Protein backbone atom coordinates (compact mmCIF):
# COMPACT_ATOMS: atom_id res chain seq x y z
CA MET A 1 12.54 -4.50 17.07
CA PRO A 2 14.49 -7.76 16.59
CA TRP A 3 16.50 -8.03 13.39
CA HIS A 4 14.89 -11.34 12.43
CA ALA A 5 11.40 -9.80 12.55
CA LYS A 6 12.60 -7.01 10.26
CA ALA A 7 14.19 -9.59 7.93
CA VAL A 8 10.98 -11.62 7.70
CA ALA A 9 8.90 -8.47 7.08
CA ALA A 10 11.33 -7.34 4.37
CA ALA A 11 11.27 -10.78 2.75
CA VAL A 12 7.46 -10.84 2.73
CA ALA A 13 7.31 -7.36 1.21
CA ALA A 14 9.91 -8.32 -1.40
CA TYR A 15 7.99 -11.49 -2.28
CA ALA A 16 4.69 -9.59 -2.53
CA LEU A 17 6.21 -6.95 -4.83
CA SER A 18 8.46 -9.27 -6.80
CA PRO A 19 7.45 -10.40 -10.28
CA ILE A 20 8.95 -13.81 -9.47
CA ASP A 21 6.54 -16.20 -7.69
CA LEU A 22 6.73 -19.76 -6.45
CA ILE A 23 3.92 -20.58 -8.87
CA PRO A 24 3.54 -18.28 -11.91
CA ASP A 25 0.43 -16.10 -11.90
CA PHE A 26 -0.63 -17.10 -15.41
CA ILE A 27 -1.65 -20.55 -14.10
CA PRO A 28 -5.38 -20.17 -13.33
CA VAL A 29 -6.36 -20.06 -9.64
CA ILE A 30 -3.20 -21.78 -8.36
CA GLY A 31 -1.03 -18.91 -9.58
CA TYR A 32 -2.68 -16.47 -7.18
CA LEU A 33 -3.21 -19.04 -4.44
CA ASP A 34 0.46 -18.94 -3.44
CA ASP A 35 0.21 -15.17 -2.94
CA LEU A 36 -2.94 -15.61 -0.85
CA ILE A 37 -1.17 -18.13 1.38
CA VAL A 38 2.49 -17.04 1.55
CA VAL A 39 1.97 -13.32 2.18
CA PRO A 40 -0.53 -13.58 5.09
CA LEU A 41 1.50 -16.37 6.70
CA GLY A 42 4.65 -14.27 6.36
CA ILE A 43 2.94 -11.29 7.96
CA LEU A 44 1.69 -13.51 10.77
CA LEU A 45 5.21 -14.87 11.31
CA ALA A 46 6.68 -11.36 11.39
CA LEU A 47 4.08 -10.29 13.97
CA ARG A 48 4.80 -13.34 16.11
CA LEU A 49 8.53 -12.56 16.08
CA ILE A 50 7.95 -9.08 17.54
CA PRO A 51 7.96 -9.12 21.37
CA PRO A 52 4.55 -8.26 22.85
CA SER A 53 5.89 -5.22 24.72
CA VAL A 54 7.38 -3.76 21.54
CA LEU A 55 4.20 -4.47 19.59
CA ALA A 56 2.07 -2.82 22.29
CA ASP A 57 4.34 0.26 22.25
CA LEU A 58 4.15 0.51 18.46
CA ARG A 59 0.37 0.16 18.49
CA ALA A 60 0.12 2.90 21.13
CA ARG A 61 2.29 5.19 19.00
CA ALA A 62 0.14 4.48 15.95
CA ALA A 63 -3.04 5.25 17.89
CA ALA A 64 -1.51 8.52 19.12
CA ARG A 65 -0.60 9.52 15.54
CA ILE A 66 -4.10 8.73 14.32
CA ALA A 67 -5.59 10.80 17.14
CA ALA A 68 -3.23 13.69 16.36
CA ARG A 69 -4.10 13.50 12.67
CA ALA A 70 -7.82 13.69 13.48
CA GLU A 71 -7.22 17.00 15.25
CA ARG A 72 -5.65 18.64 12.17
CA PRO A 73 -7.70 21.20 10.30
CA VAL A 74 -9.30 20.02 7.07
CA SER A 75 -9.68 22.28 4.04
CA TYR A 76 -12.48 21.11 1.80
CA VAL A 77 -12.06 24.22 -0.35
CA GLY A 78 -8.42 23.34 -0.95
CA ALA A 79 -9.35 19.77 -1.83
CA ALA A 80 -12.02 21.01 -4.23
CA LEU A 81 -9.53 23.38 -5.91
CA ILE A 82 -7.03 20.57 -6.40
CA GLY A 83 -9.81 18.39 -7.84
CA ILE A 84 -10.81 21.17 -10.23
CA VAL A 85 -7.20 21.60 -11.35
CA TRP A 86 -6.99 17.87 -12.13
CA VAL A 87 -10.29 17.87 -14.02
CA VAL A 88 -9.23 20.89 -16.08
CA ALA A 89 -5.81 19.36 -16.78
CA ILE A 90 -7.38 16.09 -17.94
CA GLY A 91 -9.89 17.99 -20.05
CA LEU A 92 -7.15 20.04 -21.70
CA LEU A 93 -5.16 16.88 -22.34
CA GLY A 94 -8.24 15.35 -23.96
CA VAL A 95 -8.83 18.44 -26.11
CA TRP A 96 -5.21 18.32 -27.26
CA LEU A 97 -5.01 14.53 -27.67
CA VAL A 98 -8.30 13.80 -29.51
CA PRO A 99 -7.39 15.68 -32.74
CA HIS A 100 -4.02 13.91 -32.85
CA LEU A 101 -5.65 10.51 -32.43
CA LEU A 102 -8.20 11.17 -35.20
CA GLU A 103 -5.53 12.03 -37.79
């Protein structure tokens, strides 16, 4: 991957995550418009800077990983148990927190 494509991708990610914008977000409509324009254009530029052969190889690797992930076993029982643990933990937190908030 060329260094300049990595630099553009890093700059776009930094801009998207940065609290500093070209136009502040508190300005109605226009504040978010810069994010809607700058970020997609930056992503497009980063994709254009990647050579087609490299991009095709990376897409093939991603497709292979997705196919390998689809073949993994799935445990719905395990997922349900984790969900139950979270619900119980939130319930216990609520039982503990409500009396303290009503004082």
